[in-house]
Amino acid sequence: MTSGLARAVPVSMRGYRASWLGPDLIAGATLAAVAIPEVMGYTSIAGTPIVTGLYTILVPTALFALLGSSRLLVVGGDSATAAILGAGVAGVGIVGLQPGSSEWLALCSLTAVVAGLLLVVARLFRLGFLGDFLSASVLIGFLTGVGVQVAGGQVPEILGTDKDEGGWFAQQWHWMTHLADVHPATLAYGLATIVLIVGFERFLPRVPGAIVAVVGLLVVATITDASSHGVDVVGSIAGGLPPLGLPSGLEWSDVGKVFAMALGCAVIILAQSAATSRSYAMKRGDRADIDRDLVGLAAANLGAGLTGAFVVNGSPTKTAIVDRQRGRSQVANLVVVAITLVVLLFFTDLLAELPKSVLGGIVLVIGIGLVDVTGLRRLISRRRGEFWIALVTALTVVGIGVGAGIGVAVFLSIADVIRRQYGTRGFVVGLRDDGSHVYQDAEPGAQSRPGLIIYRYDSELFFANASRFVDDVESVVTHAPDPVRWLVLDASGIGDVDYSAGLALVGLIEFVEARGIHFAIARADPSLVETLTRYELWQRLPADSIYDHFSGAVTAFEASD
């Protein structure tokens, strides 16, 4: 009975201690003060009604808390996935489709459901590792591009000018050439929001500037009747519990329209949530269970789509808030859910006079925060090649769109993996008189000892690098200072050999044997031996060609003199 009750406790809250409750309550209240105005602002990016931002907290956050494994990861509305939705729905090609309409929201909710189902598939096939295919440099570039796009998109809202319907650059050009149309009062609310958030973050970081801005400027707007002076306000917000089920009017063909968006969101969710969950688990000495987190993330997105919300994601910034407040478990996030429920049930009417430029100011600060200047600076000083990858990704997001940015991000990540594997350098193991060894670049003229070459290669051999591997070995053999009698392949760094590389390896053996050179292999691990056996390559090697360590091969070489 006791073990059954223990299994019923959510994974993220097992081992809970009474001493954690106080910090969790404080962390939850602090997070709610930041998250509620932020998710309301995200609706301006996604193009959905403001109340849907609150819906992204209510059911999705609770579902992840109960079904995920991470103790700290905060799941809810997110700027990156909101940007994918905003750009994606606008591009589905439906005539007359307008942001904020019921049809627009229906497509956003359907995207969340499809993304959730894709995450279910990822969990069933244990594809959580796919999140690792977006490198840190690509993520820096992607989120930087999203930050620039999101921040720039809020400028017209803050200025009170019309927003151009074109791309990002067209939008920026439009407001720059219409500065005469700026609405002073609207601009004042937007600037005040930015000053309050930045000021509190700088001088009183424990006080959430976003909630101070929302409450304080809402009071000012209500007292001064800002809407009567031309300030655009959010207006009436539907309160109460969210609707259940998919919005009406959807057809099966709509799944095809949103599939690319949902796939893009799923990829970003995998990468961003996994990285955040893993980093905070390591920080606390816990073990991240990405596959279990996929269950929570899938449920959260299914819950979002079935309760009138849009795609949700793991948030690094919100998770950092819980961590800074010394939150210890998902109880902190359940506190956020409870506070959001109270707001939905009792306080939505009070938000009617909130100027939209206040939300624009909040989102602009969030967007600027996504621009990872520190990460870009480190890349350019430490890995310039990866800096260019990040920059290309960011420019693609800004110049073409978030959807294209995802495609470029995935392509560049995979291309970078292939480039690294293809560019792996070989080494010739040099032997000193005292028995120690040194690795020297496998260049013409290198040899281990007169007549002996021990060649080390630290990468898997596959179709893309096999020919280069063979060419490099042949070059070293051909240009050795002394006639080569033995070639020993140190295989300790070769984890696998695909079929194309297996054929290339056979060709290499034939090349050295044709020159009267004895070929040997050392330090091959069992999985590599199994692979080479399947290729019928291992069987063709005589017993005096296989060694557990290259020192045995060296002894045999010396004895062959």
Protein backbone atom coordinates (compact mmCIF):
# COMPACT_ATOMS: atom_id res chain seq x y z
CA MET A 1 0.00 0.00 0.00
CA THR A 2 2.77 2.40 0.96
CA SER A 3 4.72 1.64 -2.22
CA GLY A 4 1.56 2.22 -4.27
CA LEU A 5 1.04 5.63 -2.71
CA ALA A 6 4.68 6.47 -3.30
CA ARG A 7 4.31 5.66 -7.00
CA ALA A 8 1.27 7.95 -7.14
CA VAL A 9 3.39 10.95 -6.12
CA PRO A 10 4.52 12.92 -9.20
CA VAL A 11 8.14 12.18 -10.12
CA SER A 12 9.07 15.85 -9.86
CA MET A 13 7.93 15.98 -6.22
CA ARG A 14 9.13 12.68 -4.82
CA GLY A 15 11.27 13.05 -1.72
CA TYR A 16 9.60 16.37 -0.89
CA ARG A 17 10.58 17.90 2.44
CA ALA A 18 8.50 20.16 4.64
CA SER A 19 11.35 22.69 4.76
CA TRP A 20 10.93 23.27 1.00
CA LEU A 21 7.37 24.58 1.29
CA GLY A 22 8.25 28.14 2.37
CA PRO A 23 10.79 28.74 -0.43
CA ASP A 24 8.43 27.13 -2.96
CA LEU A 25 5.57 29.45 -1.95
CA ILE A 26 7.79 32.53 -2.25
CA ALA A 27 9.25 31.35 -5.56
CA GLY A 28 5.76 30.64 -6.91
CA ALA A 29 4.40 34.05 -5.91
CA THR A 30 7.44 35.79 -7.41
CA LEU A 31 7.17 33.80 -10.62
CA ALA A 32 3.45 34.58 -10.92
CA ALA A 33 4.21 38.30 -10.65
CA VAL A 34 6.56 37.97 -13.63
CA ALA A 35 4.86 35.24 -15.67
CA ILE A 36 1.30 36.61 -15.74
CA PRO A 37 2.11 39.94 -17.43
CA GLU A 38 4.68 38.23 -19.67
CA VAL A 39 2.29 35.61 -21.07
CA MET A 40 -0.29 38.33 -21.64
CA GLY A 41 2.35 40.08 -23.71
CA TYR A 42 3.15 36.92 -25.68
CA THR A 43 -0.38 36.99 -27.09
CA SER A 44 0.57 40.07 -29.09
CA ILE A 45 3.30 37.96 -30.74
CA ALA A 46 1.08 34.93 -31.34
CA GLY A 47 -1.85 37.11 -32.42
CA THR A 48 -4.32 35.56 -29.97
CA PRO A 49 -6.70 37.12 -27.40
CA ILE A 50 -4.97 38.25 -24.21
CA VAL A 51 -6.77 35.76 -21.99
CA THR A 52 -5.15 32.89 -23.91
CA GLY A 53 -1.83 33.89 -22.38
CA LEU A 54 -3.27 33.15 -18.94
CA TYR A 55 -4.60 29.86 -20.29
CA THR A 56 -1.01 28.80 -21.18
CA ILE A 57 -0.26 28.80 -17.46
CA LEU A 58 -3.40 27.24 -16.05
CA VAL A 59 -3.65 23.68 -17.39
CA PRO A 60 -0.31 23.22 -19.21
CA THR A 61 1.85 24.23 -16.25
CA ALA A 62 -0.13 21.96 -13.93
CA LEU A 63 0.13 19.00 -16.32
CA PHE A 64 3.90 19.31 -16.62
CA ALA A 65 4.25 19.64 -12.84
CA LEU A 66 2.34 16.39 -12.41
CA LEU A 67 3.75 14.37 -15.31
CA GLY A 68 7.27 15.71 -15.98
CA SER A 69 10.41 14.82 -14.07
CA SER A 70 12.26 18.15 -13.72
CA ARG A 71 11.93 19.70 -10.29
CA LEU A 72 12.38 23.26 -11.54
CA LEU A 73 11.55 23.56 -15.26
CA VAL A 74 8.81 26.13 -15.78
CA VAL A 75 6.49 25.37 -18.71
CA GLY A 76 4.14 27.96 -20.21
CA GLY A 77 3.80 30.52 -22.99
CA ASP A 78 7.14 31.33 -24.60
CA SER A 79 8.34 34.07 -26.92
CA ALA A 80 10.15 31.76 -29.36
CA THR A 81 7.22 29.44 -30.00
CA ALA A 82 4.79 32.39 -29.98
CA ALA A 83 6.88 33.96 -32.75
CA ILE A 84 6.71 30.72 -34.75
CA LEU A 85 2.91 30.76 -34.39
CA GLY A 86 2.53 34.43 -35.27
CA ALA A 87 4.57 34.06 -38.44
CA GLY A 88 3.26 30.61 -39.33
CA VAL A 89 -0.46 31.26 -39.05
CA ALA A 90 -0.07 34.45 -41.07
CA GLY A 91 1.46 32.35 -43.84
CA VAL A 92 -1.12 29.55 -44.12
CA GLY A 93 -2.80 31.38 -47.00
CA ILE A 94 -6.35 31.67 -45.72
CA VAL A 95 -8.04 34.72 -47.24
CA GLY A 96 -9.26 37.23 -44.66
CA LEU A 97 -7.59 35.51 -41.71
CA GLN A 98 -6.92 38.13 -39.03
CA PRO A 99 -4.94 38.02 -35.76
CA GLY A 100 -7.20 37.79 -32.75
CA SER A 101 -10.01 36.10 -34.66
CA SER A 102 -11.56 32.83 -33.57
CA GLU A 103 -10.21 31.13 -36.71
CA TRP A 104 -6.68 32.35 -35.94
CA LEU A 105 -6.92 31.06 -32.37
CA ALA A 106 -8.30 27.74 -33.60
CA LEU A 107 -5.24 27.22 -35.79
CA CYS A 108 -2.93 28.13 -32.87
CA SER A 109 -4.70 25.65 -30.60
CA LEU A 110 -4.56 22.96 -33.29
CA THR A 111 -0.82 23.61 -33.64
CA ALA A 112 -0.41 22.97 -29.91
CA VAL A 113 -2.28 19.67 -30.21
CA VAL A 114 -0.20 18.52 -33.20
CA ALA A 115 3.01 19.58 -31.43
CA GLY A 116 1.88 17.59 -28.40
CA LEU A 117 1.26 14.51 -30.54
CA LEU A 118 4.69 14.88 -32.15
CA LEU A 119 6.21 14.99 -28.67
CA VAL A 120 4.29 11.81 -27.81
CA VAL A 121 5.86 10.15 -30.86
CA ALA A 122 9.25 11.46 -29.77
CA ARG A 123 8.72 9.88 -26.36
CA LEU A 124 7.53 6.54 -27.72
CA PHE A 125 10.59 6.24 -29.93
CA ARG A 126 12.92 7.76 -27.33
CA LEU A 127 13.84 10.67 -29.57
CA GLY A 128 14.68 13.08 -26.79
CA PHE A 129 18.27 13.05 -28.04
CA LEU A 130 17.11 14.99 -31.14
CA GLY A 131 17.10 18.11 -29.01
CA ASP A 132 20.87 17.78 -28.87
CA PHE A 133 21.08 18.29 -32.63
CA LEU A 134 20.60 22.02 -32.17
CA SER A 135 24.02 23.14 -31.03
CA ALA A 136 24.52 25.88 -28.44
CA SER A 137 25.77 28.26 -31.15
CA VAL A 138 22.67 27.64 -33.28
CA LEU A 139 20.38 28.16 -30.28
CA ILE A 140 22.19 31.39 -29.42
CA GLY A 141 21.68 32.60 -32.96
CA PHE A 142 18.08 31.44 -33.15
CA LEU A 143 17.00 33.01 -29.86
CA THR A 144 18.95 36.18 -30.68
CA GLY A 145 17.11 36.42 -33.99
CA VAL A 146 13.78 35.80 -32.26
CA GLY A 147 14.67 38.47 -29.70
CA VAL A 148 15.43 41.06 -32.37
CA GLN A 149 12.29 40.16 -34.28
CA VAL A 150 10.07 40.22 -31.20
CA ALA A 151 11.52 43.46 -29.82
CA GLY A 152 11.30 45.23 -33.19
CA GLY A 153 7.75 44.04 -33.65
CA GLN A 154 6.66 45.83 -30.47
CA VAL A 155 7.96 49.27 -31.45
CA PRO A 156 4.79 50.30 -33.35
CA GLU A 157 2.71 49.19 -30.34
CA ILE A 158 4.77 51.38 -28.03
CA LEU A 159 4.76 54.35 -30.38
CA GLY A 160 1.05 54.10 -31.09
CA THR A 161 1.61 53.97 -34.87
CA ASP A 162 0.12 51.63 -37.45
CA LYS A 163 1.95 48.37 -38.05
CA ASP A 164 3.01 47.56 -41.59
CA GLU A 165 1.81 44.16 -42.84
CA GLY A 166 5.13 43.34 -44.53
CA GLY A 167 8.23 41.65 -43.17
CA TRP A 168 10.34 42.74 -40.23
CA PHE A 169 12.46 45.22 -42.18
CA ALA A 170 9.37 46.72 -43.82
CA GLN A 171 7.80 47.16 -40.38
CA GLN A 172 10.85 48.97 -39.05
CA TRP A 173 11.03 51.21 -42.09
CA HIS A 174 7.33 52.02 -41.75
CA TRP A 175 7.49 53.34 -38.19
CA MET A 176 10.74 55.18 -38.88
CA THR A 177 9.07 57.07 -41.71
CA HIS A 178 5.89 57.76 -39.70
CA LEU A 179 7.33 59.28 -36.55
CA ALA A 180 4.96 62.22 -37.01
CA ASP A 181 2.13 59.82 -36.17
CA VAL A 182 3.54 58.89 -32.74
CA HIS A 183 0.91 59.09 -29.99
CA PRO A 184 2.61 60.85 -27.02
CA ALA A 185 0.47 59.31 -24.27
CA THR A 186 0.84 55.79 -25.69
CA LEU A 187 4.60 56.29 -25.95
CA ALA A 188 4.72 57.55 -22.36
CA TYR A 189 3.10 54.35 -21.05
CA GLY A 190 5.45 52.19 -23.11
CA LEU A 191 8.58 54.03 -22.02
CA ALA A 192 7.45 54.06 -18.39
CA THR A 193 7.04 50.27 -18.56
CA ILE A 194 10.54 49.80 -19.93
CA VAL A 195 12.08 52.16 -17.35
CA LEU A 196 10.29 50.43 -14.46
CA ILE A 197 11.29 46.92 -15.53
CA VAL A 198 14.91 47.81 -16.25
CA GLY A 199 15.16 49.99 -13.14
CA PHE A 200 13.89 47.35 -10.77
CA GLU A 201 16.03 44.69 -12.41
CA ARG A 202 19.07 46.92 -11.97
CA PHE A 203 18.50 48.30 -8.47
CA LEU A 204 15.88 46.03 -6.82
CA PRO A 205 16.18 42.70 -8.65
CA ARG A 206 14.08 40.84 -6.10
CA VAL A 207 11.06 43.04 -6.91
CA PRO A 208 9.39 42.03 -10.21
CA GLY A 209 9.35 45.23 -12.23
CA ALA A 210 6.83 43.81 -14.73
CA ILE A 211 4.07 43.48 -12.11
CA VAL A 212 4.93 46.93 -10.70
CA ALA A 213 4.57 48.37 -14.20
CA VAL A 214 1.29 46.57 -14.88
CA VAL A 215 -0.35 47.45 -11.56
CA GLY A 216 1.03 50.99 -11.32
CA LEU A 217 0.32 52.03 -14.91
CA LEU A 218 -3.07 50.30 -14.86
CA VAL A 219 -4.01 52.47 -11.89
CA VAL A 220 -2.78 55.59 -13.70
CA ALA A 221 -4.62 54.65 -16.91
CA THR A 222 -7.85 53.97 -15.02
CA ILE A 223 -7.74 57.21 -13.03
CA THR A 224 -6.92 59.33 -16.09
CA ASP A 225 -9.31 57.43 -18.39
CA ALA A 226 -6.47 56.83 -20.83
CA SER A 227 -8.69 55.25 -23.49
CA SER A 228 -10.65 58.50 -23.87
CA HIS A 229 -7.37 60.23 -24.73
CA GLY A 230 -6.62 57.91 -27.62
CA VAL A 231 -4.55 55.32 -25.77
CA ASP A 232 -5.27 51.83 -27.10
CA VAL A 233 -6.21 49.54 -24.19
CA VAL A 234 -6.70 45.78 -23.98
CA GLY A 235 -10.45 46.12 -23.42
CA SER A 236 -12.76 43.50 -21.99
CA ILE A 237 -11.10 40.19 -21.14
CA ALA A 238 -13.23 37.08 -20.83
CA GLY A 239 -12.77 35.67 -17.35
CA GLY A 240 -13.56 32.29 -15.88
CA LEU A 241 -12.32 28.86 -16.77
CA PRO A 242 -11.06 28.12 -20.29
CA PRO A 243 -13.19 26.19 -22.80
CA LEU A 244 -12.56 22.46 -23.18
CA GLY A 245 -11.97 20.78 -26.51
CA LEU A 246 -10.74 21.94 -29.88
CA PRO A 247 -12.33 25.11 -31.24
CA SER A 248 -15.18 24.52 -33.67
CA GLY A 249 -14.79 24.95 -37.41
CA LEU A 250 -11.59 22.96 -37.81
CA GLU A 251 -11.20 20.42 -40.61
CA TRP A 252 -8.78 17.55 -41.20
CA SER A 253 -7.09 19.58 -43.92
CA ASP A 254 -6.09 22.16 -41.28
CA VAL A 255 -3.66 19.64 -39.80
CA GLY A 256 -1.59 19.87 -42.97
CA LYS A 257 -1.64 23.66 -42.78
CA VAL A 258 -0.19 23.73 -39.28
CA PHE A 259 2.06 20.66 -39.42
CA ALA A 260 5.24 22.54 -40.37
CA MET A 261 4.61 25.03 -37.56
CA ALA A 262 3.97 22.25 -35.07
CA LEU A 263 7.13 20.42 -36.13
CA GLY A 264 9.18 23.59 -35.74
CA CYS A 265 7.70 24.20 -32.31
CA ALA A 266 8.36 20.59 -31.28
CA VAL A 267 12.04 20.88 -32.31
CA ILE A 268 12.48 24.09 -30.33
CA ILE A 269 10.65 22.61 -27.33
CA LEU A 270 12.90 19.56 -27.43
CA ALA A 271 16.10 21.59 -27.61
CA GLN A 272 15.26 24.45 -25.25
CA SER A 273 13.43 22.43 -22.60
CA ALA A 274 16.01 19.64 -22.56
CA ALA A 275 18.91 22.08 -22.23
CA THR A 276 17.18 23.99 -19.43
CA SER A 277 16.09 20.88 -17.54
CA ARG A 278 19.54 19.31 -17.82
CA SER A 279 21.45 22.41 -16.71
CA TYR A 280 19.36 22.97 -13.57
CA ALA A 281 19.33 19.27 -12.70
CA MET A 282 23.15 19.22 -12.78
CA LYS A 283 23.26 22.41 -10.72
CA ARG A 284 21.18 20.72 -8.00
CA GLY A 285 22.96 17.37 -8.23
CA ASP A 286 19.92 15.69 -9.79
CA ARG A 287 19.72 13.56 -12.90
CA ALA A 288 17.70 14.89 -15.83
CA ASP A 289 15.21 12.44 -17.32
CA ILE A 290 14.53 13.99 -20.74
CA ASP A 291 12.26 11.14 -21.87
CA ARG A 292 10.06 11.62 -18.80
CA ASP A 293 10.04 15.37 -19.37
CA LEU A 294 8.77 14.66 -22.89
CA VAL A 295 5.69 13.09 -21.31
CA GLY A 296 5.05 16.29 -19.36
CA LEU A 297 5.75 18.54 -22.34
CA ALA A 298 3.48 16.50 -24.60
CA ALA A 299 0.67 16.60 -22.03
CA ALA A 300 1.20 20.33 -21.49
CA ASN A 301 0.82 21.09 -25.20
CA LEU A 302 -2.16 18.79 -25.60
CA GLY A 303 -3.69 20.50 -22.58
CA ALA A 304 -2.96 23.92 -24.07
CA GLY A 305 -4.58 23.05 -27.39
CA LEU A 306 -7.67 21.61 -25.71
CA THR A 307 -8.18 24.61 -23.39
CA GLY A 308 -8.10 27.49 -25.87
CA ALA A 309 -4.39 28.27 -25.51
CA PHE A 310 -1.35 28.04 -27.79
CA VAL A 311 1.97 26.16 -27.79
CA VAL A 312 3.89 26.08 -24.51
CA ASN A 313 7.58 25.50 -23.90
CA GLY A 314 10.14 25.18 -21.13
CA SER A 315 11.35 28.66 -20.22
CA PRO A 316 15.00 29.25 -19.24
CA THR A 317 14.27 32.75 -17.88
CA LYS A 318 11.31 31.72 -15.74
CA THR A 319 13.14 28.64 -14.48
CA ALA A 320 15.97 30.95 -13.47
CA ILE A 321 13.51 33.00 -11.38
CA VAL A 322 12.45 29.91 -9.42
CA ASP A 323 16.09 28.97 -8.94
CA ARG A 324 17.05 32.47 -7.71
CA GLN A 325 14.20 32.39 -5.20
CA ARG A 326 15.50 29.01 -3.95
CA GLY A 327 12.43 27.11 -5.14
CA ARG A 328 12.92 23.37 -4.75
CA SER A 329 10.13 21.67 -6.69
CA GLN A 330 7.14 21.92 -9.01
CA VAL A 331 5.09 23.04 -6.01
CA ALA A 332 6.30 26.54 -6.94
CA ASN A 333 4.71 26.17 -10.36
CA LEU A 334 1.47 24.87 -8.85
CA VAL A 335 1.40 28.08 -6.81
CA VAL A 336 1.59 30.02 -10.09
CA VAL A 337 -1.32 27.94 -11.41
CA ALA A 338 -3.39 28.76 -8.32
CA ILE A 339 -2.68 32.50 -8.55
CA THR A 340 -3.53 32.50 -12.27
CA LEU A 341 -6.81 30.76 -11.50
CA VAL A 342 -7.70 33.48 -9.00
CA VAL A 343 -6.90 36.16 -11.58
CA LEU A 344 -9.06 34.43 -14.20
CA LEU A 345 -11.99 34.03 -11.83
CA PHE A 346 -12.00 37.40 -10.12
CA PHE A 347 -9.69 40.04 -11.62
CA THR A 348 -9.85 40.01 -15.43
CA ASP A 349 -12.32 42.91 -15.44
CA LEU A 350 -9.73 45.08 -13.71
CA LEU A 351 -7.34 44.65 -16.65
CA ALA A 352 -9.66 46.22 -19.23
CA GLU A 353 -8.02 49.68 -19.00
CA LEU A 354 -4.46 48.38 -19.29
CA PRO A 355 -2.71 50.17 -22.20
CA LYS A 356 -1.47 47.81 -24.89
CA SER A 357 1.80 49.73 -24.99
CA VAL A 358 2.47 48.46 -21.45
CA LEU A 359 2.35 44.89 -22.72
CA GLY A 360 4.42 46.02 -25.71
CA GLY A 361 7.05 47.40 -23.35
CA ILE A 362 7.14 44.13 -21.39
CA VAL A 363 7.59 42.06 -24.55
CA LEU A 364 10.22 44.45 -25.92
CA VAL A 365 12.32 43.99 -22.76
CA ILE A 366 11.85 40.21 -23.05
CA GLY A 367 12.95 40.32 -26.68
CA ILE A 368 16.05 42.34 -25.88
CA GLY A 369 16.82 39.85 -23.12
CA LEU A 370 16.86 37.05 -25.69
CA VAL A 371 19.65 38.77 -27.61
CA ASP A 372 22.58 36.84 -26.17
CA VAL A 373 25.34 39.43 -26.49
CA THR A 374 27.52 37.57 -23.99
CA GLY A 375 27.14 34.30 -25.88
CA LEU A 376 27.92 35.96 -29.21
CA ARG A 377 30.97 37.70 -27.73
CA ARG A 378 32.27 34.41 -26.36
CA LEU A 379 31.71 32.68 -29.68
CA ILE A 380 33.58 35.29 -31.68
CA SER A 381 36.55 35.15 -29.31
CA ARG A 382 36.62 31.39 -28.77
CA ARG A 383 35.02 29.69 -31.80
CA ARG A 384 34.77 32.13 -34.68
CA GLY A 385 33.35 29.50 -37.03
CA GLU A 386 30.45 28.87 -34.66
CA PHE A 387 29.90 32.61 -34.34
CA TRP A 388 29.20 32.79 -38.08
CA ILE A 389 26.75 29.90 -37.72
CA ALA A 390 24.94 31.80 -34.95
CA LEU A 391 24.94 35.00 -37.00
CA VAL A 392 23.55 33.34 -40.14
CA THR A 393 20.80 31.73 -38.04
CA ALA A 394 19.90 35.05 -36.40
CA LEU A 395 19.83 36.95 -39.71
CA THR A 396 17.64 34.25 -41.25
CA VAL A 397 15.12 34.54 -38.41
CA VAL A 398 15.03 38.34 -38.68
CA GLY A 399 15.18 38.68 -42.45
CA ILE A 400 13.11 35.72 -43.66
CA GLY A 401 11.15 34.47 -40.66
CA VAL A 402 11.15 32.15 -37.68
CA GLY A 403 10.08 29.14 -39.75
CA ALA A 404 13.00 29.56 -42.11
CA GLY A 405 15.23 30.15 -39.10
CA ILE A 406 14.30 26.74 -37.69
CA GLY A 407 15.10 25.07 -41.00
CA VAL A 408 18.44 26.86 -41.24
CA ALA A 409 19.17 26.05 -37.57
CA VAL A 410 18.59 22.33 -38.09
CA PHE A 411 20.52 22.30 -41.38
CA LEU A 412 23.50 24.18 -39.93
CA SER A 413 23.59 21.92 -36.85
CA ILE A 414 23.64 18.76 -38.97
CA ALA A 415 26.11 20.29 -41.42
CA ASP A 416 28.36 21.25 -38.51
CA VAL A 417 28.30 17.66 -37.21
CA ILE A 418 29.30 16.34 -40.66
CA ARG A 419 31.95 19.05 -41.01
CA ARG A 420 33.49 18.09 -37.68
CA GLN A 421 33.48 14.40 -38.54
CA TYR A 422 34.84 15.04 -42.02
CA GLY A 423 37.55 17.34 -40.72
CA THR A 424 38.82 14.97 -38.03
CA ARG A 425 42.62 14.96 -38.04
CA GLY A 426 44.63 11.79 -37.97
CA PHE A 427 47.74 11.33 -35.83
CA VAL A 428 50.90 9.31 -36.10
CA VAL A 429 51.89 7.94 -32.69
CA GLY A 430 55.54 8.78 -32.10
CA LEU A 431 57.49 6.44 -29.79
CA ARG A 432 60.15 7.78 -27.45
CA ASP A 433 63.14 5.79 -26.21
CA ASP A 434 61.71 5.71 -22.67
CA GLY A 435 58.58 3.92 -23.90
CA SER A 436 56.29 6.92 -23.76
CA HIS A 437 54.55 8.20 -26.87
CA VAL A 438 53.54 11.49 -28.43
CA TYR A 439 50.86 12.33 -30.98
CA GLN A 440 52.04 14.16 -34.07
CA ASP A 441 49.93 15.37 -36.98
CA ALA A 442 49.63 12.78 -39.72
CA GLU A 443 51.57 14.72 -42.31
CA PRO A 444 53.98 13.49 -45.00
CA GLY A 445 57.27 12.63 -43.31
CA ALA A 446 55.77 11.47 -40.00
CA GLN A 447 56.52 7.99 -38.71
CA SER A 448 56.48 6.17 -35.38
CA ARG A 449 59.82 4.48 -35.94
CA PRO A 450 61.78 3.74 -39.06
CA GLY A 451 59.62 1.26 -40.97
CA LEU A 452 56.67 1.58 -38.56
CA ILE A 453 53.59 3.83 -38.67
CA ILE A 454 50.98 3.74 -35.93
CA TYR A 455 48.02 5.73 -37.23
CA ARG A 456 45.34 6.99 -34.83
CA TYR A 457 41.96 8.34 -35.93
CA ASP A 458 39.50 9.76 -33.38
CA SER A 459 36.17 9.66 -35.15
CA GLU A 460 33.60 7.27 -36.54
CA LEU A 461 34.29 6.27 -40.13
CA PHE A 462 31.34 6.88 -42.45
CA PHE A 463 30.63 7.65 -46.08
CA ALA A 464 31.56 11.35 -45.82
CA ASN A 465 35.03 10.99 -44.26
CA ALA A 466 36.12 7.49 -45.32
CA SER A 467 37.81 8.57 -48.56
CA ARG A 468 39.68 11.36 -46.84
CA PHE A 469 40.80 8.95 -44.10
CA VAL A 470 42.17 6.52 -46.69
CA ASP A 471 43.87 9.32 -48.66
CA ASP A 472 45.57 10.64 -45.51
CA VAL A 473 46.84 7.19 -44.50
CA GLU A 474 48.11 6.48 -48.01
CA SER A 475 49.87 9.86 -48.08
CA VAL A 476 51.67 9.17 -44.81
CA VAL A 477 52.72 5.70 -46.01
CA THR A 478 53.86 6.95 -49.40
CA HIS A 479 55.92 9.85 -48.04
CA ALA A 480 57.44 8.13 -45.00
CA PRO A 481 61.18 8.88 -44.58
CA ASP A 482 61.94 5.14 -44.40
CA PRO A 483 60.28 2.28 -46.31
CA VAL A 484 57.21 1.24 -44.31
CA ARG A 485 57.11 -2.41 -43.24
CA TRP A 486 54.24 -2.25 -40.70
CA LEU A 487 51.10 -0.07 -40.60
CA VAL A 488 49.20 -0.30 -37.30
CA LEU A 489 45.74 1.29 -37.05
CA ASP A 490 45.06 2.45 -33.50
CA ALA A 491 41.27 1.97 -33.55
CA SER A 492 40.54 3.07 -29.97
CA GLY A 493 38.95 6.31 -31.23
CA ILE A 494 36.86 4.70 -33.98
CA GLY A 495 33.44 3.98 -32.53
CA ASP A 496 31.76 2.71 -35.67
CA VAL A 497 32.34 2.02 -39.36
CA ASP A 498 29.45 2.26 -41.83
CA TYR A 499 29.24 0.09 -44.95
CA SER A 500 30.84 2.67 -47.26
CA ALA A 501 33.72 3.12 -44.83
CA GLY A 502 34.04 -0.66 -44.53
CA LEU A 503 34.61 -0.90 -48.28
CA ALA A 504 37.14 1.92 -48.06
CA LEU A 505 38.95 0.09 -45.25
CA VAL A 506 39.16 -3.03 -47.38
CA GLY A 507 40.69 -0.91 -50.14
CA LEU A 508 43.26 0.48 -47.70
CA ILE A 509 44.28 -3.02 -46.58
CA GLU A 510 44.68 -4.07 -50.21
CA PHE A 511 46.79 -0.94 -50.85
CA VAL A 512 49.27 -1.65 -48.04
CA GLU A 513 49.43 -5.38 -48.78
CA ALA A 514 50.19 -4.64 -52.43
CA ARG A 515 53.21 -2.68 -51.18
CA GLY A 516 54.39 -5.58 -49.04
CA ILE A 517 53.39 -3.80 -45.83
CA HIS A 518 52.03 -5.76 -42.88
CA PHE A 519 48.66 -4.32 -41.74
CA ALA A 520 47.65 -4.62 -38.08
CA ILE A 521 44.86 -3.20 -35.94
CA ALA A 522 45.08 -2.38 -32.22
CA ARG A 523 42.65 -1.44 -29.44
CA ALA A 524 39.43 -2.15 -31.35
CA ASP A 525 36.48 -2.20 -28.96
CA PRO A 526 33.98 -5.13 -29.02
CA SER A 527 31.29 -3.21 -30.92
CA LEU A 528 33.76 -2.29 -33.67
CA VAL A 529 34.95 -5.90 -33.86
CA GLU A 530 31.32 -7.02 -34.22
CA THR A 531 30.76 -4.51 -37.03
CA LEU A 532 33.92 -5.51 -38.92
CA THR A 533 32.99 -9.18 -38.48
CA ARG A 534 29.62 -8.55 -40.16
CA TYR A 535 31.49 -6.97 -43.06
CA GLU A 536 33.67 -10.16 -43.25
CA LEU A 537 36.68 -7.89 -42.78
CA TRP A 538 37.79 -9.04 -39.36
CA GLN A 539 38.05 -12.64 -40.52
CA ARG A 540 40.61 -11.76 -43.16
CA LEU A 541 43.04 -10.42 -40.55
CA PRO A 542 45.50 -13.09 -39.30
CA ALA A 543 46.15 -13.50 -35.59
CA ASP A 544 49.42 -11.58 -35.81
CA SER A 545 47.49 -8.57 -37.09
CA ILE A 546 45.23 -8.06 -34.06
CA TYR A 547 46.48 -6.54 -30.79
CA ASP A 548 44.88 -5.37 -27.56
CA HIS A 549 47.34 -2.47 -27.39
CA PHE A 550 49.74 -1.00 -29.89
CA SER A 551 52.65 -1.80 -27.54
CA GLY A 552 52.12 -5.45 -28.47
CA ALA A 553 52.21 -4.50 -32.13
CA VAL A 554 55.45 -2.58 -31.56
CA THR A 555 57.02 -5.63 -29.88
CA ALA A 556 55.93 -7.84 -32.80
CA PHE A 557 57.32 -5.29 -35.28
CA GLU A 558 60.68 -5.24 -33.52
CA ALA A 559 60.78 -9.04 -33.45
CA SER A 560 60.15 -9.16 -37.20
CA ASP A 561 63.50 -7.44 -37.97
